[in-house]
PDB file of N, CA and C in Angstrom:
ATOM      1  N   MET A   1     108.255 164.493  70.359  1.00  0.00           N
ATOM      2  CA  MET A   1     107.055 163.620  70.536  1.00  0.00           C
ATOM      3  C   MET A   1     106.179 164.565  71.076  1.00  0.00           C
ATOM      4  N   GLY A   2     104.965 164.373  71.040  1.00  0.00           N
ATOM      5  CA  GLY A   2     103.938 165.458  71.496  1.00  0.00           C
ATOM      6  C   GLY A   2     103.415 165.190  72.674  1.00  0.00           C
ATOM      7  N   ALA A   3     102.360 165.971  73.335  1.00  0.00           N
ATOM      8  CA  ALA A   3     101.818 165.663  74.624  1.00  0.00           C
ATOM      9  C   ALA A   3     101.104 164.370  74.675  1.00  0.00           C
ATOM     10  N   ASP A   4     100.422 164.019  73.536  1.00  0.00           N
ATOM     11  CA  ASP A   4      99.595 162.783  73.427  1.00  0.00           C
ATOM     12  C   ASP A   4     100.531 161.596  73.898  1.00  0.00           C
ATOM     13  N   PHE A   5     101.685 161.655  73.391  1.00  0.00           N
ATOM     14  CA  PHE A   5     102.584 160.468  73.568  1.00  0.00           C
ATOM     15  C   PHE A   5     102.925 160.395  75.039  1.00  0.00           C
ATOM     16  N   TRP A   6     102.934 161.364  75.855  1.00  0.00           N
ATOM     17  CA  TRP A   6     103.470 161.453  77.030  1.00  0.00           C
ATOM     18  C   TRP A   6     102.626 161.313  78.029  1.00  0.00           C
ATOM     19  N   THR A   7     101.345 161.423  77.944  1.00  0.00           N
ATOM     20  CA  THR A   7     100.046 161.393  78.639  1.00  0.00           C
ATOM     21  C   THR A   7      99.941 160.096  79.639  1.00  0.00           C
ATOM     22  N   ASP A   8     100.120 159.056  79.079  1.00  0.00           N
ATOM     23  CA  ASP A   8     100.283 157.825  80.234  1.00  0.00           C
ATOM     24  C   ASP A   8     101.189 158.104  80.974  1.00  0.00           C
ATOM     25  N   ALA A   9     102.498 157.981  80.584  1.00  0.00           N
ATOM     26  CA  ALA A   9     103.631 158.485  81.594  1.00  0.00           C
ATOM     27  C   ALA A   9     103.300 159.457  82.733  1.00  0.00           C
ATOM     28  N   TYR A  10     103.040 160.659  82.226  1.00  0.00           N
ATOM     29  CA  TYR A  10     102.721 161.415  83.181  1.00  0.00           C
ATOM     30  C   TYR A  10     101.617 161.176  84.124  1.00  0.00           C
ATOM     31  N   ALA A  11     100.702 160.524  83.917  1.00  0.00           N
ATOM     32  CA  ALA A  11      99.765 159.848  84.558  1.00  0.00           C
ATOM     33  C   ALA A  11     100.353 159.062  85.681  1.00  0.00           C
ATOM     34  N   LEU A  12     101.131 158.023  85.349  1.00  0.00           N
ATOM     35  CA  LEU A  12     101.708 157.040  86.355  1.00  0.00           C
ATOM     36  C   LEU A  12     102.707 157.987  87.302  1.00  0.00           C
ATOM     37  N   ILE A  13     103.383 159.244  86.815  1.00  0.00           N
ATOM     38  CA  ILE A  13     104.424 159.906  87.416  1.00  0.00           C
ATOM     39  C   ILE A  13     103.383 160.629  88.525  1.00  0.00           C
ATOM     40  N   ASP A  14     102.292 160.801  88.036  1.00  0.00           N
ATOM     41  CA  ASP A  14     101.475 161.715  89.132  1.00  0.00           C
ATOM     42  C   ASP A  14     101.012 160.809  90.043  1.00  0.00           C
ATOM     43  N   THR A  15     100.734 159.493  89.915  1.00  0.00           N
ATOM     44  CA  THR A  15     100.304 158.347  90.966  1.00  0.00           C
ATOM     45  C   THR A  15     101.403 158.266  91.903  1.00  0.00           C
ATOM     46  N   MET A  16     102.870 158.382  91.380  1.00  0.00           N
ATOM     47  CA  MET A  16     103.856 158.217  92.246  1.00  0.00           C
ATOM     48  C   MET A  16     103.978 159.441  93.259  1.00  0.00           C
ATOM     49  N   GLU A  17     103.606 160.807  92.705  1.00  0.00           N
ATOM     50  CA  GLU A  17     103.764 161.928  93.614  1.00  0.00           C
ATOM     51  C   GLU A  17     102.895 161.789  94.445  1.00  0.00           C
ATOM     52  N   LYS A  18     101.632 161.605  94.130  1.00  0.00           N
ATOM     53  CA  LYS A  18     100.466 161.629  95.293  1.00  0.00           C
ATOM     54  C   LYS A  18     100.691 160.448  96.497  1.00  0.00           C
ATOM     55  N   GLY A  19     101.476 159.333  95.953  1.00  0.00           N
ATOM     56  CA  GLY A  19     101.944 158.461  97.081  1.00  0.00           C
ATOM     57  C   GLY A  19     103.075 158.963  98.012  1.00  0.00           C
ATOM     58  N   ILE A  20     104.023 159.769  97.276  1.00  0.00           N
ATOM     59  CA  ILE A  20     105.145 160.460  98.221  1.00  0.00           C
ATOM     60  C   ILE A  20     104.651 161.464  98.951  1.00  0.00           C
ATOM     61  N   ALA A  21     103.267 162.154  98.604  1.00  0.00           N
ATOM     62  CA  ALA A  21     102.989 163.241  99.488  1.00  0.00           C
ATOM     63  C   ALA A  21     102.254 162.696 100.589  1.00  0.00           C
ATOM     64  N   VAL A  22     101.821 161.454 100.718  1.00  0.00           N
ATOM     65  CA  VAL A  22     101.455 160.849 101.955  1.00  0.00           C
ATOM     66  C   VAL A  22     102.420 161.141 103.129  1.00  0.00           C
ATOM     67  N   GLY A  23     103.612 161.174 102.928  1.00  0.00           N
ATOM     68  CA  GLY A  23     104.496 161.367 104.069  1.00  0.00           C
ATOM     69  C   GLY A  23     105.559 160.315 104.476  1.00  0.00           C
ATOM     70  N   ASP A  24     105.667 160.009 105.551  1.00  0.00           N
ATOM     71  CA  ASP A  24     106.483 158.886 105.997  1.00  0.00           C
ATOM     72  C   ASP A  24     106.025 157.729 105.649  1.00  0.00           C
ATOM     73  N   ASP A  25     107.343 156.906 105.415  1.00  0.00           N
ATOM     74  CA  ASP A  25     106.883 155.360 104.813  1.00  0.00           C
ATOM     75  C   ASP A  25     106.593 154.482 105.965  1.00  0.00           C
ATOM     76  N   LYS A  26     105.336 153.929 105.715  1.00  0.00           N
ATOM     77  CA  LYS A  26     104.458 153.333 106.788  1.00  0.00           C
ATOM     78  C   LYS A  26     105.027 151.693 106.715  1.00  0.00           C
ATOM     79  N   GLY A  27     105.934 151.428 106.103  1.00  0.00           N
ATOM     80  CA  GLY A  27     106.484 149.945 105.788  1.00  0.00           C
ATOM     81  C   GLY A  27     105.612 149.245 104.715  1.00  0.00           C
ATOM     82  N   ALA A  28     106.146 148.096 104.358  1.00  0.00           N
ATOM     83  CA  ALA A  28     105.150 147.407 103.389  1.00  0.00           C
ATOM     84  C   ALA A  28     104.071 146.757 103.734  1.00  0.00           C
ATOM     85  N   THR A  29     103.836 146.531 104.919  1.00  0.00           N
ATOM     86  CA  THR A  29     102.714 145.701 105.576  1.00  0.00           C
ATOM     87  C   THR A  29     101.674 146.409 106.210  1.00  0.00           C
ATOM     88  N   ALA A  30     101.995 147.916 106.582  1.00  0.00           N
ATOM     89  CA  ALA A  30     101.198 148.645 106.829  1.00  0.00           C
ATOM     90  C   ALA A  30      99.820 148.815 106.363  1.00  0.00           C
ATOM     91  N   VAL A  31      98.637 148.881 107.014  1.00  0.00           N
ATOM     92  CA  VAL A  31      97.327 149.235 106.401  1.00  0.00           C
ATOM     93  C   VAL A  31      97.336 150.772 105.931  1.00  0.00           C
ATOM     94  N   GLY A  32      97.096 150.972 104.742  1.00  0.00           N
ATOM     95  CA  GLY A  32      97.329 152.017 103.979  1.00  0.00           C
ATOM     96  C   GLY A  32      98.468 152.499 103.561  1.00  0.00           C
ATOM     97  N   THR A  33      99.173 151.515 103.231  1.00  0.00           N
ATOM     98  CA  THR A  33     100.601 152.081 103.044  1.00  0.00           C
ATOM     99  C   THR A  33     100.624 152.645 101.483  1.00  0.00           C
ATOM    100  N   HIS A  34     101.654 153.501 101.035  1.00  0.00           N
ATOM    101  CA  HIS A  34     101.536 154.154 100.235  1.00  0.00           C
ATOM    102  C   HIS A  34     102.552 153.745  99.088  1.00  0.00           C
ATOM    103  N   ARG A  35     103.328 152.526  99.500  1.00  0.00           N
ATOM    104  CA  ARG A  35     104.418 151.825  98.702  1.00  0.00           C
ATOM    105  C   ARG A  35     103.779 151.569  97.331  1.00  0.00           C
ATOM    106  N   PRO A  36     102.537 150.651  97.167  1.00  0.00           N
ATOM    107  CA  PRO A  36     102.122 150.557  95.986  1.00  0.00           C
ATOM    108  C   PRO A  36     102.064 151.511  95.045  1.00  0.00           C
ATOM    109  N   ASP A  37     101.539 152.881  95.440  1.00  0.00           N
ATOM    110  CA  ASP A  37     101.400 153.833  94.538  1.00  0.00           C
ATOM    111  C   ASP A  37     102.709 154.393  93.964  1.00  0.00           C
ATOM    112  N   VAL A  38     104.042 154.342  94.880  1.00  0.00           N
ATOM    113  CA  VAL A  38     105.215 154.965  94.547  1.00  0.00           C
ATOM    114  C   VAL A  38     106.221 153.989  93.851  1.00  0.00           C
ATOM    115  N   LEU A  39     106.121 152.675  94.435  1.00  0.00           N
ATOM    116  CA  LEU A  39     107.021 151.801  93.852  1.00  0.00           C
ATOM    117  C   LEU A  39     106.561 151.128  92.630  1.00  0.00           C
ATOM    118  N   GLY A  40     104.826 150.940  92.610  1.00  0.00           N
ATOM    119  CA  GLY A  40     104.307 150.214  91.681  1.00  0.00           C
ATOM    120  C   GLY A  40     104.211 150.956  90.451  1.00  0.00           C
ATOM    121  N   SER A  41     104.104 152.247  90.790  1.00  0.00           N
ATOM    122  CA  SER A  41     104.007 153.516  89.361  1.00  0.00           C
ATOM    123  C   SER A  41     105.377 153.637  88.934  1.00  0.00           C
ATOM    124  N   ALA A  42     106.421 153.342  89.741  1.00  0.00           N
ATOM    125  CA  ALA A  42     107.789 153.479  89.354  1.00  0.00           C
ATOM    126  C   ALA A  42     108.164 152.490  88.309  1.00  0.00           C
ATOM    127  N   HIS A  43     107.640 151.130  88.702  1.00  0.00           N
ATOM    128  CA  HIS A  43     107.947 150.098  87.839  1.00  0.00           C
ATOM    129  C   HIS A  43     107.160 150.299  86.447  1.00  0.00           C
ATOM    130  N   ASP A  44     105.778 150.396  86.667  1.00  0.00           N
ATOM    131  CA  ASP A  44     104.966 150.838  85.507  1.00  0.00           C
ATOM    132  C   ASP A  44     105.571 151.783  84.653  1.00  0.00           C
ATOM    133  N   VAL A  45     106.083 152.881  85.012  1.00  0.00           N
ATOM    134  CA  VAL A  45     106.939 153.698  84.301  1.00  0.00           C
ATOM    135  C   VAL A  45     108.047 153.272  83.380  1.00  0.00           C
ATOM    136  N   SER A  46     108.968 152.426  84.144  1.00  0.00           N
ATOM    137  CA  SER A  46     109.905 151.578  83.527  1.00  0.00           C
ATOM    138  C   SER A  46     109.506 150.768  82.367  1.00  0.00           C
ATOM    139  N   ASP A  47     108.407 150.157  82.702  1.00  0.00           N
ATOM    140  CA  ASP A  47     107.912 149.212  81.551  1.00  0.00           C
ATOM    141  C   ASP A  47     107.248 149.998  80.601  1.00  0.00           C
ATOM    142  N   TRP A  48     106.647 151.351  80.833  1.00  0.00           N
ATOM    143  CA  TRP A  48     106.245 152.114  79.726  1.00  0.00           C
ATOM    144  C   TRP A  48     107.244 152.586  78.816  1.00  0.00           C
ATOM    145  N   LEU A  49     108.214 153.111  79.626  1.00  0.00           N
ATOM    146  CA  LEU A  49     109.488 153.601  78.707  1.00  0.00           C
ATOM    147  C   LEU A  49     109.982 152.313  77.913  1.00  0.00           C
ATOM    148  N   ASP A  50     110.173 151.154  78.305  1.00  0.00           N
ATOM    149  CA  ASP A  50     110.578 150.150  77.625  1.00  0.00           C
ATOM    150  C   ASP A  50     109.829 149.911  76.154  1.00  0.00           C
ATOM    151  N   GLU A  51     108.568 150.105  76.440  1.00  0.00           N
ATOM    152  CA  GLU A  51     107.457 149.654  75.364  1.00  0.00           C
ATOM    153  C   GLU A  51     107.502 151.005  74.309  1.00  0.00           C
ATOM    154  N   HIS A  52     107.697 152.039  74.829  1.00  0.00           N
ATOM    155  CA  HIS A  52     107.609 153.126  73.803  1.00  0.00           C
ATOM    156  C   HIS A  52     108.898 153.720  73.736  1.00  0.00           C
ATOM    157  N   PRO A  53     109.930 153.409  73.387  1.00  0.00           N
ATOM    158  CA  PRO A  53     111.387 154.014  73.218  1.00  0.00           C
ATOM    159  C   PRO A  53     111.319 155.084  72.249  1.00  0.00           C
ATOM    160  N   ILE A  54     112.126 155.988  72.611  1.00  0.00           N
ATOM    161  CA  ILE A  54     112.431 157.052  71.731  1.00  0.00           C
ATOM    162  C   ILE A  54     113.678 157.274  71.087  1.00  0.00           C
ATOM    163  N   LYS A  55     113.896 158.020  70.225  1.00  0.00           N
ATOM    164  CA  LYS A  55     115.265 158.013  69.591  1.00  0.00           C
ATOM    165  C   LYS A  55     115.726 159.286  70.066  1.00  0.00           C
TER     166      LYS A  55
END
Protein backbone atom coordinates (compact mmCIF):
# COMPACT_ATOMS: atom_id res chain seq x y z
CA MET A 1 0.00 0.00 0.00
CA GLY A 2 1.22 3.46 -0.85
CA ALA A 3 1.33 6.60 1.24
CA ASP A 4 -1.97 7.86 -0.17
CA PHE A 5 -3.74 4.84 1.28
CA TRP A 6 -2.46 5.53 4.81
CA THR A 7 -2.86 9.34 4.86
CA ASP A 8 -6.21 9.37 6.68
CA ALA A 9 -5.04 6.85 9.28
CA TYR A 10 -1.91 8.87 10.02
CA ALA A 11 -3.99 12.03 10.43
CA LEU A 12 -6.05 10.26 13.10
CA ILE A 13 -2.90 8.99 14.80
CA ASP A 14 -1.49 12.53 14.80
CA THR A 15 -4.65 13.72 16.59
CA MET A 16 -4.15 11.05 19.25
CA GLU A 17 -0.50 12.05 19.72
CA LYS A 18 -1.41 15.73 20.09
CA GLY A 19 -3.97 14.80 22.75
CA ILE A 20 -1.45 12.68 24.64
CA ALA A 21 1.11 15.49 24.48
CA VAL A 22 -1.23 17.63 26.60
CA GLY A 23 0.00 15.71 29.61
CA ASP A 24 -1.89 14.44 32.64
CA ASP A 25 -5.38 13.06 32.23
CA LYS A 26 -7.79 15.78 33.33
CA GLY A 27 -10.75 13.42 33.58
CA ALA A 28 -13.73 12.84 31.33
CA THR A 29 -15.74 15.85 32.50
CA ALA A 30 -12.95 18.40 32.90
CA VAL A 31 -13.04 21.57 30.86
CA GLY A 32 -10.50 21.22 28.07
CA THR A 33 -10.16 17.46 28.53
CA HIS A 34 -8.02 15.76 25.92
CA ARG A 35 -9.87 12.44 26.06
CA PRO A 36 -11.91 13.06 22.88
CA ASP A 37 -8.68 13.63 20.94
CA VAL A 38 -7.05 10.51 22.33
CA LEU A 39 -9.88 8.03 22.72
CA GLY A 40 -12.11 9.37 19.96
CA SER A 41 -9.29 9.16 17.44
CA ALA A 42 -8.36 5.68 18.63
CA HIS A 43 -11.90 4.52 17.88
CA ASP A 44 -11.77 6.31 14.52
CA VAL A 45 -8.50 4.54 13.63
CA SER A 46 -10.09 1.22 14.56
CA ASP A 47 -13.11 2.00 12.37
CA TRP A 48 -10.85 3.11 9.53
CA LEU A 49 -8.88 -0.14 9.71
CA ASP A 50 -12.14 -2.14 9.63
CA GLU A 51 -13.22 -0.21 6.53
CA HIS A 52 -9.83 -0.53 4.79
CA PRO A 53 -8.66 -4.10 5.30
CA ILE A 54 -5.28 -5.07 3.94
CA LYS A 55 -4.01 -8.54 3.16
